[in-house]
Amino acid sequence: MHHRRQFTKAGMHPYAFASLLLLVWLTFAQVTPARSRQVQELHHLAASGRTTPFFDFHSNFWVNLHQVLFHEAKLRAGKPDRGLQSAPPLSAAGMSKQDEVDWNAAVSFYAAHFRTRQQHGDDQLVQINDDLAEQPDDGAHLNPAGLPPEMVAALQSAALIYRKYWWPAHNESNENWMASRKEQVQDLGPKLASVMTRDLHQPWPAAPIRVDVCYYVVSLGYANTTLPPHITFSGSDPSNQDLSGFELLFHEASHTFADTIMNALSAEARAQHKDVGDLWHSLLFYTSGVELRRLLPAPEQASFTPYAYRYGVYRGTWQEYRRVLETDWQVYLDGKTSFQTAIHSMVADLK
């Protein structure tokens, strides 16, 4: 079970008066789905004065080294892993014999301890990734507190080699990815965050979401999100570039404000005696794709393919999720029905 941060309300919200007026208006008005949607939009406009950044981006030496070693260990397994990026094992021209021995020893340690494990849902690996994110981005030193002692030794030994042969190029790749997303986050970010939090009936976390941009990330989509909010995101994979990468970033962020939708689907599933599986997750993909397309200029809308469609996310049981999303959830996103009606209809229509 992941550690969860409790989001509490401290004191009076700065837009409480505007919200109160909306509540009074709702009390005396006839609330149709379309009108309810208008009210939600007014509320989000009233509360759009956020000055805190949505994300806190880092290219952290230790997180990158950890992810690289994890990736190298998985490559050694010799079995297909959908979370692996398409890359051969790292090598370097002119690598000394001693460097090769030390690097292989660190990879062997990771292979022995983590090769058969997945980062998502593994409490120890989640905690290790979080602890490494607290270390200096430049890798100047490593605080061993909380980390397994044998792992600290492996990291410290591998650090000298990683810095010598691969870190400069990996760090440059990370920095380039962050720079290329900067304008999109500043321009489209507030609009996309507003509509997605409205759609999911839950606010964005109060503090910026920590994003560790890494060269490799072993996970489906080469990105994962854990709680307290922490996104680990590969900036090197071709699928994570341009608008697809921007959309996936916001999809990952939506995992941090998805409790309302998950709870609503679970409650409705119990009421209808159904199993909704990963419908909530497919819904997050669908929502970020639909809402990003709407925000694009008309010429770009025509050529934009949402991430889940472009990269074949809707396969297997997710094909059924796609069907109900395109019918029952889409009409909600279009403002033609209510949140609760959409939840009920999706569960009812699942075969």
Protein backbone atom coordinates (compact mmCIF):
# COMPACT_ATOMS: atom_id res chain seq x y z
CA MET A 1 0.00 0.00 0.00
CA HIS A 2 1.41 3.36 -1.00
CA HIS A 3 1.83 6.11 1.56
CA ARG A 4 -0.90 8.69 0.98
CA ARG A 5 -0.81 12.36 1.76
CA GLN A 6 -4.01 13.66 3.36
CA PHE A 7 -5.31 16.77 1.61
CA THR A 8 -7.01 18.89 4.27
CA LYS A 9 -8.70 22.24 4.17
CA ALA A 10 -6.85 24.77 6.30
CA GLY A 11 -8.94 27.83 7.05
CA MET A 12 -11.18 29.80 4.68
CA HIS A 13 -10.62 29.33 0.95
CA PRO A 14 -9.79 32.67 -0.72
CA TYR A 15 -12.65 32.16 -3.13
CA ALA A 16 -15.19 31.12 -0.48
CA PHE A 17 -17.46 34.09 -1.17
CA ALA A 18 -17.66 33.27 -4.90
CA SER A 19 -18.40 29.63 -4.03
CA LEU A 20 -21.12 30.73 -1.60
CA LEU A 21 -22.82 32.78 -4.32
CA LEU A 22 -22.74 29.77 -6.62
CA LEU A 23 -24.24 27.58 -3.87
CA VAL A 24 -27.08 30.06 -3.33
CA TRP A 25 -27.70 30.20 -7.08
CA LEU A 26 -27.83 26.40 -7.23
CA THR A 27 -30.28 26.26 -4.35
CA PHE A 28 -32.90 28.28 -6.20
CA ALA A 29 -32.15 27.27 -9.78
CA GLN A 30 -33.34 24.23 -11.66
CA VAL A 31 -30.19 22.15 -12.10
CA THR A 32 -29.99 20.43 -15.46
CA PRO A 33 -26.79 18.57 -16.43
CA ALA A 34 -25.80 21.35 -18.83
CA ARG A 35 -26.46 24.04 -16.24
CA SER A 36 -24.56 22.07 -13.59
CA ARG A 37 -21.65 21.91 -16.00
CA GLN A 38 -21.80 25.69 -16.46
CA VAL A 39 -21.71 26.15 -12.69
CA GLN A 40 -18.65 23.92 -12.40
CA GLU A 41 -16.92 25.94 -15.09
CA LEU A 42 -17.76 29.19 -13.29
CA HIS A 43 -16.36 27.78 -10.07
CA HIS A 44 -13.12 26.80 -11.78
CA LEU A 45 -12.82 30.23 -13.33
CA ALA A 46 -13.37 31.75 -9.89
CA ALA A 47 -10.64 29.52 -8.44
CA SER A 48 -8.13 29.90 -11.27
CA GLY A 49 -5.77 32.19 -9.37
CA ARG A 50 -3.26 29.45 -8.54
CA THR A 51 0.24 30.86 -8.35
CA THR A 52 1.99 27.65 -7.26
CA PRO A 53 3.50 25.68 -10.18
CA PHE A 54 1.78 22.45 -11.12
CA PHE A 55 5.06 20.54 -11.35
CA ASP A 56 8.50 20.58 -9.74
CA PHE A 57 10.89 19.17 -12.38
CA HIS A 58 14.24 17.56 -11.57
CA SER A 59 17.03 15.72 -13.34
CA ASN A 60 18.40 13.98 -10.28
CA PHE A 61 21.67 12.03 -10.54
CA TRP A 62 20.75 9.38 -7.95
CA VAL A 63 17.23 8.72 -9.21
CA ASN A 64 18.61 8.39 -12.74
CA LEU A 65 21.36 6.01 -11.63
CA HIS A 66 18.83 3.88 -9.74
CA GLN A 67 16.52 3.74 -12.75
CA VAL A 68 19.42 2.90 -15.11
CA LEU A 69 20.62 0.05 -12.88
CA PHE A 70 17.07 -1.25 -12.58
CA HIS A 71 16.75 -1.12 -16.39
CA GLU A 72 20.11 -2.89 -16.90
CA ALA A 73 19.12 -5.61 -14.41
CA LYS A 74 15.84 -6.20 -16.26
CA LEU A 75 17.72 -6.46 -19.57
CA ARG A 76 19.83 -9.23 -18.08
CA ALA A 77 16.73 -11.28 -17.30
CA GLY A 78 16.49 -12.16 -20.99
CA LYS A 79 12.69 -12.22 -20.87
CA PRO A 80 10.31 -9.78 -22.59
CA ASP A 81 9.21 -7.01 -20.25
CA ARG A 82 6.68 -4.49 -21.54
CA GLY A 83 8.10 -1.92 -19.16
CA LEU A 84 11.55 -1.99 -20.74
CA GLN A 85 12.56 0.68 -23.19
CA SER A 86 13.95 -0.49 -26.50
CA ALA A 87 17.69 -0.26 -25.83
CA PRO A 88 20.75 -2.52 -25.63
CA PRO A 89 22.75 -2.79 -22.39
CA LEU A 90 24.90 0.27 -21.72
CA SER A 91 28.46 0.13 -23.00
CA ALA A 92 31.23 2.66 -23.47
CA ALA A 93 34.29 2.80 -25.69
CA GLY A 94 37.54 2.78 -23.78
CA MET A 95 35.97 1.52 -20.55
CA SER A 96 38.67 0.22 -18.21
CA LYS A 97 38.57 -3.37 -16.95
CA GLN A 98 38.11 -2.20 -13.38
CA ASP A 99 35.24 0.11 -14.33
CA GLU A 100 33.61 -2.75 -16.20
CA VAL A 101 33.97 -5.06 -13.18
CA ASP A 102 32.55 -2.46 -10.77
CA TRP A 103 29.64 -1.59 -13.07
CA ASN A 104 28.75 -5.24 -13.61
CA ALA A 105 28.85 -5.83 -9.87
CA ALA A 106 26.29 -3.05 -9.30
CA VAL A 107 24.03 -4.37 -12.06
CA SER A 108 24.38 -7.88 -10.61
CA PHE A 109 23.27 -6.56 -7.21
CA TYR A 110 20.15 -5.04 -8.78
CA ALA A 111 19.52 -8.21 -10.78
CA ALA A 112 19.72 -10.35 -7.64
CA HIS A 113 17.42 -8.12 -5.60
CA PHE A 114 15.02 -6.42 -8.02
CA ARG A 115 15.06 -8.15 -11.42
CA THR A 116 11.74 -9.97 -10.93
CA ARG A 117 9.99 -7.02 -9.26
CA GLN A 118 7.97 -4.13 -10.67
CA GLN A 119 8.28 -0.63 -9.26
CA HIS A 120 4.58 0.15 -9.24
CA GLY A 121 2.97 -1.33 -6.15
CA ASP A 122 6.24 -2.43 -4.54
CA ASP A 123 6.49 -0.50 -1.27
CA GLN A 124 10.24 -0.92 -0.88
CA LEU A 125 11.03 0.21 -4.42
CA VAL A 126 8.63 3.15 -4.10
CA GLN A 127 10.32 4.21 -0.87
CA ILE A 128 13.81 3.84 -2.37
CA ASN A 129 12.84 6.02 -5.34
CA ASP A 130 11.34 8.63 -3.00
CA ASP A 131 14.40 8.59 -0.73
CA LEU A 132 16.76 9.04 -3.68
CA ALA A 133 14.68 11.99 -4.88
CA GLU A 134 15.60 13.71 -1.61
CA GLN A 135 19.31 13.50 -2.47
CA PRO A 136 21.13 16.41 -4.19
CA ASP A 137 20.26 16.61 -7.89
CA ASP A 138 23.94 16.92 -8.80
CA GLY A 139 24.85 13.74 -6.94
CA ALA A 140 27.42 15.52 -4.82
CA HIS A 141 26.81 13.13 -1.92
CA LEU A 142 24.50 10.31 -0.88
CA ASN A 143 22.77 10.27 2.49
CA PRO A 144 22.45 6.56 3.35
CA ALA A 145 19.67 7.02 5.92
CA GLY A 146 16.74 4.71 5.18
CA LEU A 147 18.44 2.97 2.25
CA PRO A 148 19.56 -0.69 2.38
CA PRO A 149 23.31 -0.65 3.24
CA GLU A 150 24.26 -3.08 0.43
CA MET A 151 22.38 -0.93 -2.05
CA VAL A 152 24.21 2.20 -0.85
CA ALA A 153 27.53 0.47 -1.53
CA ALA A 154 26.38 -0.57 -5.01
CA LEU A 155 25.18 2.95 -5.83
CA GLN A 156 28.34 4.62 -4.57
CA SER A 157 30.53 2.26 -6.57
CA ALA A 158 28.45 2.64 -9.74
CA ALA A 159 28.17 6.43 -9.36
CA LEU A 160 31.79 7.08 -10.38
CA ILE A 161 31.36 5.02 -13.54
CA TYR A 162 27.93 6.37 -14.45
CA ARG A 163 29.16 9.95 -14.08
CA LYS A 164 32.21 9.23 -16.22
CA TYR A 165 30.55 7.49 -19.16
CA TRP A 166 26.79 8.15 -19.40
CA TRP A 167 25.46 10.79 -17.02
CA PRO A 168 26.42 13.87 -19.08
CA ALA A 169 24.41 12.63 -22.09
CA HIS A 170 21.52 11.40 -19.95
CA ASN A 171 21.34 14.65 -18.01
CA GLU A 172 21.41 16.66 -21.25
CA SER A 173 18.53 14.54 -22.59
CA ASN A 174 16.54 15.17 -19.40
CA GLU A 175 17.22 18.91 -19.46
CA ASN A 176 16.22 19.13 -23.12
CA TRP A 177 12.94 17.34 -22.40
CA MET A 178 12.13 19.68 -19.53
CA ALA A 179 12.98 22.74 -21.62
CA SER A 180 10.82 21.53 -24.52
CA ARG A 181 7.82 21.07 -22.19
CA LYS A 182 8.19 24.44 -20.47
CA GLU A 183 6.11 26.45 -22.95
CA GLN A 184 3.37 23.81 -23.11
CA VAL A 185 3.12 23.63 -19.31
CA GLN A 186 2.91 27.43 -19.07
CA ASP A 187 0.41 27.84 -21.92
CA LEU A 188 -1.78 24.74 -21.97
CA GLY A 189 -1.04 23.48 -18.46
CA PRO A 190 -3.43 25.70 -16.43
CA LYS A 191 -6.27 25.10 -18.90
CA LEU A 192 -5.77 21.33 -18.99
CA ALA A 193 -5.39 21.11 -15.22
CA SER A 194 -8.61 23.10 -14.76
CA VAL A 195 -10.78 20.95 -17.02
CA MET A 196 -9.34 17.66 -15.78
CA THR A 197 -9.87 18.48 -12.11
CA ARG A 198 -13.38 19.63 -12.99
CA ASP A 199 -14.08 16.40 -14.85
CA LEU A 200 -12.74 14.22 -12.03
CA HIS A 201 -14.37 16.27 -9.24
CA GLN A 202 -11.14 16.62 -7.29
CA PRO A 203 -8.58 19.45 -6.98
CA TRP A 204 -4.96 19.37 -8.05
CA PRO A 205 -2.59 18.74 -5.10
CA ALA A 206 -1.81 21.97 -3.26
CA ALA A 207 1.97 21.54 -3.59
CA PRO A 208 3.71 21.13 -6.97
CA ILE A 209 3.97 17.49 -8.04
CA ARG A 210 7.57 16.30 -7.97
CA VAL A 211 8.64 15.04 -11.43
CA ASP A 212 11.94 13.19 -11.75
CA VAL A 213 12.84 13.14 -15.43
CA CYS A 214 15.05 10.14 -16.13
CA TYR A 215 16.70 8.60 -19.15
CA TYR A 216 15.18 5.18 -18.41
CA VAL A 217 12.08 4.28 -16.41
CA VAL A 218 11.01 0.65 -16.21
CA SER A 219 7.22 0.88 -16.31
CA LEU A 220 4.36 0.72 -18.79
CA GLY A 221 4.49 3.99 -20.71
CA TYR A 222 7.97 4.52 -19.20
CA ALA A 223 6.45 6.61 -16.44
CA ASN A 224 4.88 5.91 -13.07
CA THR A 225 3.24 7.86 -10.30
CA THR A 226 3.26 7.11 -6.59
CA LEU A 227 1.81 8.75 -3.50
CA PRO A 228 2.66 11.12 -1.89
CA PRO A 229 2.64 12.71 -5.36
CA HIS A 230 5.83 11.75 -7.20
CA ILE A 231 6.10 11.15 -10.94
CA THR A 232 9.11 9.35 -12.43
CA PHE A 233 9.10 10.01 -16.17
CA SER A 234 11.38 8.94 -19.01
CA GLY A 235 12.28 11.85 -21.24
CA SER A 236 14.24 9.75 -23.73
CA ASP A 237 11.62 7.42 -25.19
CA PRO A 238 10.15 8.50 -28.57
CA SER A 239 6.60 7.94 -27.29
CA ASN A 240 7.09 10.56 -24.60
CA GLN A 241 7.95 13.47 -26.88
CA ASP A 242 5.94 16.46 -28.14
CA LEU A 243 2.20 16.54 -27.34
CA SER A 244 2.13 12.83 -26.51
CA GLY A 245 4.67 13.38 -23.76
CA PHE A 246 2.80 16.42 -22.51
CA GLU A 247 -0.46 14.48 -22.43
CA LEU A 248 1.15 11.51 -20.65
CA LEU A 249 2.58 13.88 -18.03
CA PHE A 250 -0.93 15.12 -17.23
CA HIS A 251 -2.29 11.58 -17.31
CA GLU A 252 0.31 10.64 -14.70
CA ALA A 253 -0.59 13.72 -12.68
CA SER A 254 -4.26 12.71 -12.70
CA HIS A 255 -3.36 9.66 -10.60
CA THR A 256 -2.86 12.10 -7.72
CA PHE A 257 -6.44 13.42 -7.87
CA ALA A 258 -8.32 10.26 -8.89
CA ASP A 259 -9.78 9.20 -5.53
CA THR A 260 -13.24 10.63 -6.26
CA ILE A 261 -13.62 8.81 -9.59
CA MET A 262 -12.22 5.57 -8.19
CA ASN A 263 -14.53 5.65 -5.19
CA ALA A 264 -17.56 6.53 -7.32
CA LEU A 265 -16.91 3.63 -9.70
CA SER A 266 -16.30 1.23 -6.83
CA ALA A 267 -19.52 2.23 -5.08
CA GLU A 268 -21.55 1.90 -8.28
CA ALA A 269 -19.94 -1.46 -9.04
CA ARG A 270 -20.98 -2.76 -5.62
CA ALA A 271 -24.51 -1.46 -6.13
CA GLN A 272 -24.78 -3.21 -9.50
CA HIS A 273 -22.83 -6.32 -8.39
CA LYS A 274 -20.23 -5.86 -11.13
CA ASP A 275 -16.47 -5.88 -11.46
CA VAL A 276 -15.21 -2.69 -13.13
CA GLY A 277 -11.53 -3.70 -13.07
CA ASP A 278 -9.26 -0.97 -14.42
CA LEU A 279 -12.04 1.18 -15.85
CA TRP A 280 -10.86 4.06 -13.64
CA HIS A 281 -7.37 3.94 -15.18
CA SER A 282 -8.61 3.82 -18.76
CA LEU A 283 -10.89 6.75 -17.90
CA LEU A 284 -7.87 8.82 -16.85
CA PHE A 285 -6.19 8.14 -20.19
CA TYR A 286 -9.37 8.96 -22.08
CA THR A 287 -10.03 12.21 -20.20
CA SER A 288 -6.56 13.69 -20.66
CA GLY A 289 -6.64 12.89 -24.39
CA VAL A 290 -10.10 14.34 -25.05
CA GLU A 291 -9.49 17.50 -23.05
CA LEU A 292 -6.06 18.20 -24.53
CA ARG A 293 -7.42 17.88 -28.06
CA ARG A 294 -10.15 20.42 -27.27
CA LEU A 295 -7.56 22.96 -26.13
CA LEU A 296 -5.51 22.76 -29.33
CA PRO A 297 -5.95 25.13 -32.29
CA ALA A 298 -8.22 23.68 -34.98
CA PRO A 299 -5.42 22.61 -37.35
CA GLU A 300 -3.66 20.74 -34.54
CA GLN A 301 -6.88 19.10 -33.35
CA ALA A 302 -7.29 17.43 -36.73
CA SER A 303 -3.82 15.85 -36.60
CA PHE A 304 -3.66 15.05 -32.89
CA THR A 305 -4.18 11.44 -31.78
CA PRO A 306 -4.62 10.94 -28.01
CA TYR A 307 -1.91 8.85 -26.37
CA ALA A 308 -4.10 5.83 -25.59
CA TYR A 309 -5.22 5.53 -29.22
CA ARG A 310 -1.80 6.27 -30.69
CA TYR A 311 0.06 3.70 -28.63
CA GLY A 312 -2.55 0.93 -28.44
CA VAL A 313 -3.48 1.22 -24.78
CA TYR A 314 -7.04 0.01 -25.45
CA ARG A 315 -6.35 -3.68 -25.93
CA GLY A 316 -7.67 -6.80 -24.26
CA THR A 317 -10.29 -5.98 -21.63
CA TRP A 318 -9.57 -2.28 -22.18
CA GLN A 319 -11.37 -2.49 -25.53
CA GLU A 320 -14.60 -2.85 -23.56
CA TYR A 321 -13.64 0.11 -21.38
CA ARG A 322 -13.05 2.16 -24.51
CA ARG A 323 -16.58 1.38 -25.72
CA VAL A 324 -18.30 2.68 -22.59
CA LEU A 325 -15.96 5.67 -22.36
CA GLU A 326 -16.75 6.73 -25.91
CA THR A 327 -20.48 6.54 -25.20
CA ASP A 328 -21.30 7.12 -21.53
CA TRP A 329 -18.27 9.14 -20.35
CA GLN A 330 -18.03 11.24 -23.51
CA VAL A 331 -21.54 12.63 -23.09
CA TYR A 332 -20.53 13.75 -19.60
CA LEU A 333 -17.38 15.42 -20.94
CA ASP A 334 -19.63 17.14 -23.49
CA GLY A 335 -21.77 18.54 -20.64
CA LYS A 336 -24.88 16.59 -21.66
CA THR A 337 -25.28 14.51 -18.52
CA SER A 338 -24.24 14.54 -14.88
CA PHE A 339 -21.21 12.95 -13.26
CA GLN A 340 -23.28 10.42 -11.31
CA THR A 341 -25.39 9.50 -14.34
CA ALA A 342 -22.24 8.85 -16.35
CA ILE A 343 -20.84 6.65 -13.59
CA HIS A 344 -24.07 4.65 -13.41
CA SER A 345 -24.29 4.27 -17.20
CA MET A 346 -20.70 3.13 -17.64
CA VAL A 347 -21.04 0.40 -15.01
CA ALA A 348 -24.44 -0.66 -16.32
CA ASP A 349 -23.17 -0.89 -19.91
CA LEU A 350 -20.09 -2.97 -19.10
CA LYS A 351 -20.58 -6.51 -20.37
